[in-house]
Amino acid sequence: AAAGIKLVLSEEEELLREMDVMEGKLIEREFAFDNISCGLPPADSLFCDPVTPMPDLDRLKAQLASVKAPIKQMEAPSWAKLVNAISLTGRVVPTLRQVVRPEVCCTAWAHMAEILYAYPVLSPQVKSEEKLRSLHLCETSGASVAALNHWLKLHHPTVAWDWLGHSQDPEKRSAEGKPEGGGGRFNGHEDTRFISDTPDKWLFGPDGRGSL
C-alpha cells in the first residue's frame, strides 16, 4: 500500500495468498550483465552466417500468430476490459494518476519509473558532465520518455537531456491493425498525442514500420 491506498484488487489479493506471495514481491527477477570486460564483435562479422531452418521456432511463430489474430478484431472497450481482468498491477497506475499525476501515465510509465528508482541508471560521466542522450527503442506512447523526464526533473534538474524515440509510424500501425469493417486492435488503443506533439524526435524506419 502507498499512503494508505491498497495497490491490489481483492481478486488479486486472493491470488497472491494462493501463491503464498507478499504484495510487492510477486516478481523479483534480476539479471546482472558484465558490460565492462566484454565487447561487441566486429560489425562485418554480424549476420554473415547462412539462414538455418528452425522448424520448432517456425511452429511456435505460427502458433503465436494464431493466438494474436483475434486480438486485432477486438474493440477498444473489450480490449481494456481483458487487460484489466488479467493485470496483476491492480491499482498501481490509477494511484499514480491520482497522487503523482504524471504525463502519459500507464503501465509502461510505471515500469520505467521502477527501473529509474531501483537502479543507478546515470553513469558517473553523465553526472559529472551533466549531459545525457537517450534512445528509446520500441517506444509506442512515449511513456518511458515521459517517465525519464519526470525522474530527471525531480532528481537531476541540472542535467541537459536530449532524446530520440523509435517506433512504428502510428498511422501505418493503425491502418495495418484495422481489419475490414473497422474495430482494429490498434484503433484508439494507444495514445499517440505525445508522438504527434514531438514529430522531430521520432525514428520510424525507412518504410514507417519501425525497422531497425
Protein backbone atom coordinates (compact mmCIF):
# COMPACT_ATOMS: atom_id res chain seq x y z
CA ALA A 1 0.00 0.00 0.00
CA ALA A 2 1.07 3.62 -0.59
CA ALA A 3 -0.20 6.46 1.57
CA GLY A 4 -2.88 4.14 2.93
CA ILE A 5 -4.11 3.16 -0.55
CA LYS A 6 -4.29 -0.51 -1.45
CA LEU A 7 -2.47 -1.17 -4.71
CA VAL A 8 -4.01 -4.56 -5.46
CA LEU A 9 -7.59 -5.58 -6.07
CA SER A 10 -9.40 -8.04 -3.81
CA GLU A 11 -9.25 -10.71 -6.52
CA GLU A 12 -5.50 -10.21 -6.79
CA GLU A 13 -5.08 -10.41 -3.01
CA GLU A 14 -6.75 -13.82 -3.10
CA LEU A 15 -4.43 -14.92 -5.91
CA LEU A 16 -1.35 -13.70 -4.02
CA ARG A 17 -2.47 -15.64 -0.92
CA GLU A 18 -2.88 -18.79 -3.02
CA MET A 19 0.62 -18.27 -4.41
CA ASP A 20 1.98 -17.53 -0.91
CA VAL A 21 3.49 -14.28 -2.21
CA MET A 22 3.54 -10.96 -0.36
CA GLU A 23 2.20 -7.83 -2.04
CA GLY A 24 5.05 -6.12 -3.88
CA LYS A 25 7.08 -9.36 -4.05
CA LEU A 26 5.34 -11.09 -6.93
CA ILE A 27 8.15 -10.66 -9.45
CA GLU A 28 11.74 -10.34 -8.29
CA ARG A 29 13.80 -11.44 -11.26
CA GLU A 30 17.05 -9.56 -11.70
CA PHE A 31 19.84 -10.25 -14.17
CA ALA A 32 23.33 -8.77 -13.98
CA PHE A 33 25.33 -8.25 -17.18
CA ASP A 34 29.05 -7.59 -17.42
CA ASN A 35 29.26 -4.67 -19.82
CA ILE A 36 32.76 -3.65 -18.77
CA SER A 37 35.08 -6.52 -19.74
CA CYS A 38 33.00 -7.82 -22.65
CA GLY A 39 32.86 -6.25 -26.09
CA LEU A 40 30.85 -6.41 -29.29
CA PRO A 41 32.16 -8.46 -32.23
CA PRO A 42 33.33 -6.64 -35.38
CA ALA A 43 30.44 -5.19 -37.35
CA ASP A 44 31.43 -7.01 -40.55
CA SER A 45 31.09 -10.35 -38.76
CA LEU A 46 27.41 -9.87 -37.91
CA PHE A 47 24.62 -11.56 -39.88
CA CYS A 48 27.08 -13.38 -42.13
CA ASP A 49 26.02 -16.98 -41.48
CA PRO A 50 23.64 -18.65 -43.94
CA VAL A 51 19.99 -18.90 -42.96
CA THR A 52 19.36 -22.05 -40.93
CA PRO A 53 15.83 -23.51 -40.95
CA MET A 54 14.36 -23.87 -37.44
CA PRO A 55 11.11 -25.88 -37.73
CA ASP A 56 10.35 -25.75 -34.00
CA LEU A 57 10.68 -21.97 -33.94
CA ASP A 58 8.58 -21.62 -37.09
CA ARG A 59 5.88 -23.76 -35.48
CA LEU A 60 5.86 -21.59 -32.35
CA LYS A 61 5.76 -18.47 -34.51
CA ALA A 62 2.69 -19.77 -36.33
CA GLN A 63 1.00 -20.66 -33.03
CA LEU A 64 1.71 -17.19 -31.65
CA ALA A 65 0.27 -15.58 -34.78
CA SER A 66 -2.93 -17.65 -34.46
CA VAL A 67 -3.34 -16.57 -30.83
CA LYS A 68 -2.71 -12.89 -31.61
CA ALA A 69 -5.01 -12.76 -34.64
CA PRO A 70 -8.31 -12.46 -32.67
CA ILE A 71 -6.88 -9.54 -30.67
CA LYS A 72 -6.87 -7.38 -33.80
CA GLN A 73 -10.62 -7.87 -34.08
CA MET A 74 -11.35 -6.59 -30.58
CA GLU A 75 -12.95 -3.23 -29.94
CA ALA A 76 -11.11 -0.89 -27.57
CA PRO A 77 -13.53 -1.33 -24.59
CA SER A 78 -13.30 -5.12 -24.85
CA TRP A 79 -9.51 -4.98 -25.02
CA ALA A 80 -9.32 -2.70 -21.99
CA LYS A 81 -11.65 -4.99 -20.03
CA LEU A 82 -9.47 -8.01 -20.88
CA VAL A 83 -6.26 -6.26 -19.89
CA ASN A 84 -7.74 -5.11 -16.58
CA ALA A 85 -9.02 -8.60 -15.85
CA ILE A 86 -5.62 -10.27 -16.20
CA SER A 87 -3.47 -7.47 -14.81
CA LEU A 88 -1.58 -8.05 -11.57
CA THR A 89 -0.69 -4.38 -11.18
CA GLY A 90 -4.04 -3.68 -9.53
CA ARG A 91 -4.45 -0.05 -8.61
CA VAL A 92 -0.84 0.99 -9.20
CA VAL A 93 -1.48 3.04 -12.33
CA PRO A 94 -4.75 4.63 -11.08
CA THR A 95 -2.96 5.56 -7.86
CA LEU A 96 -0.07 7.12 -9.79
CA ARG A 97 -2.57 9.14 -11.82
CA GLN A 98 -4.25 10.37 -8.65
CA VAL A 99 -1.23 11.01 -6.43
CA VAL A 100 1.67 11.76 -8.81
CA ARG A 101 -0.30 12.91 -11.87
CA PRO A 102 2.49 12.25 -14.39
CA GLU A 103 2.35 12.71 -18.15
CA VAL A 104 1.46 9.63 -20.23
CA CYS A 105 0.68 7.62 -17.11
CA CYS A 106 0.26 3.92 -17.95
CA THR A 107 1.83 0.57 -17.10
CA ALA A 108 4.86 1.32 -19.29
CA TRP A 109 5.42 4.57 -17.36
CA ALA A 110 5.33 2.64 -14.09
CA HIS A 111 7.80 0.05 -15.43
CA MET A 112 10.29 2.73 -16.47
CA ALA A 113 9.88 4.65 -13.21
CA GLU A 114 10.54 1.48 -11.23
CA ILE A 115 13.82 0.93 -13.11
CA LEU A 116 14.92 4.53 -12.63
CA TYR A 117 14.28 4.45 -8.88
CA ALA A 118 15.67 0.95 -8.30
CA TYR A 119 18.99 1.08 -10.18
CA PRO A 120 21.87 3.55 -10.75
CA VAL A 121 20.92 4.45 -14.31
CA LEU A 122 23.12 7.51 -14.78
CA SER A 123 26.83 6.88 -15.23
CA PRO A 124 29.42 8.93 -13.31
CA GLN A 125 30.34 10.63 -16.60
CA VAL A 126 26.78 11.80 -17.16
CA LYS A 127 26.60 13.14 -13.64
CA SER A 128 29.91 15.00 -13.90
CA GLU A 129 29.26 16.42 -17.39
CA GLU A 130 25.54 16.94 -16.70
CA LYS A 131 24.69 15.80 -20.23
CA LEU A 132 22.51 12.85 -21.21
CA ARG A 133 21.39 11.46 -24.56
CA SER A 134 18.91 8.58 -24.65
CA LEU A 135 17.42 6.40 -27.38
CA HIS A 136 14.11 4.72 -26.56
CA LEU A 137 13.59 1.59 -28.67
CA CYS A 138 10.18 0.10 -29.45
CA GLU A 139 8.53 3.08 -27.81
CA THR A 140 4.82 3.45 -28.50
CA SER A 141 3.09 6.14 -26.49
CA GLY A 142 6.17 7.95 -25.17
CA ALA A 143 5.68 6.59 -21.66
CA SER A 144 9.34 5.76 -20.97
CA VAL A 145 10.39 9.17 -22.29
CA ALA A 146 7.87 10.85 -20.01
CA ALA A 147 8.97 8.77 -17.03
CA LEU A 148 12.63 9.64 -17.61
CA ASN A 149 11.74 13.31 -17.94
CA HIS A 150 9.76 13.16 -14.69
CA TRP A 151 12.64 11.49 -12.84
CA LEU A 152 15.31 13.84 -14.21
CA LYS A 153 13.33 16.95 -13.32
CA LEU A 154 12.92 15.73 -9.74
CA HIS A 155 16.38 14.28 -9.06
CA HIS A 156 18.79 15.67 -11.67
CA PRO A 157 17.34 19.01 -12.78
CA THR A 158 20.71 20.35 -13.98
CA VAL A 159 21.31 17.54 -16.48
CA ALA A 160 20.93 18.69 -20.10
CA TRP A 161 18.94 15.92 -21.76
CA ASP A 162 18.35 15.10 -25.41
CA TRP A 163 16.40 12.07 -26.60
CA LEU A 164 15.14 10.15 -29.63
CA GLY A 165 12.32 7.63 -29.77
CA HIS A 166 11.99 4.63 -32.09
CA SER A 167 8.60 3.23 -33.01
CA GLN A 168 6.31 2.22 -35.83
CA ASP A 169 4.53 5.11 -37.51
CA PRO A 170 1.17 5.36 -35.67
CA GLU A 171 -0.70 5.97 -38.92
CA LYS A 172 0.76 2.84 -40.51
CA ARG A 173 0.18 0.79 -37.35
CA SER A 174 -3.45 1.89 -37.20
CA ALA A 175 -4.02 1.13 -40.86
CA GLU A 176 -2.42 -2.32 -40.68
CA GLY A 177 -4.10 -3.26 -37.40
CA LYS A 178 -7.57 -2.29 -38.57
CA PRO A 179 -9.39 -5.15 -40.34
CA GLU A 180 -12.13 -4.64 -42.88
CA GLY A 181 -15.24 -3.35 -41.16
CA GLY A 182 -13.34 -1.38 -38.50
CA GLY A 183 -12.60 -2.10 -34.88
CA GLY A 184 -8.87 -2.71 -35.28
CA ARG A 185 -6.71 -3.72 -32.36
CA PHE A 186 -4.66 -0.51 -32.63
CA ASN A 187 -7.59 1.75 -33.44
CA GLY A 188 -7.76 4.05 -30.43
CA HIS A 189 -5.89 1.72 -28.04
CA GLU A 190 -2.73 3.73 -27.78
CA ASP A 191 -2.39 7.41 -27.09
CA THR A 192 -0.25 8.85 -29.88
CA ARG A 193 -0.63 12.50 -28.90
CA PHE A 194 2.90 12.54 -27.45
CA ILE A 195 4.34 11.42 -30.79
CA SER A 196 2.18 13.93 -32.66
CA ASP A 197 3.46 16.76 -30.45
CA THR A 198 7.15 15.79 -30.87
CA PRO A 199 7.45 14.67 -34.54
CA ASP A 200 11.12 15.62 -34.92
CA LYS A 201 12.09 13.29 -32.08
CA TRP A 202 10.95 10.01 -33.66
CA LEU A 203 12.55 7.40 -35.90
CA PHE A 204 10.07 5.23 -37.84
CA GLY A 205 12.47 3.47 -40.20
CA PRO A 206 12.60 3.78 -44.00
CA ASP A 207 9.11 2.35 -44.54
CA GLY A 208 7.42 3.54 -41.36
CA ARG A 209 7.37 0.04 -39.85
CA GLY A 210 9.96 0.79 -37.20
CA SER A 211 12.59 -1.50 -38.70
CA LEU A 212 15.98 -1.20 -37.06
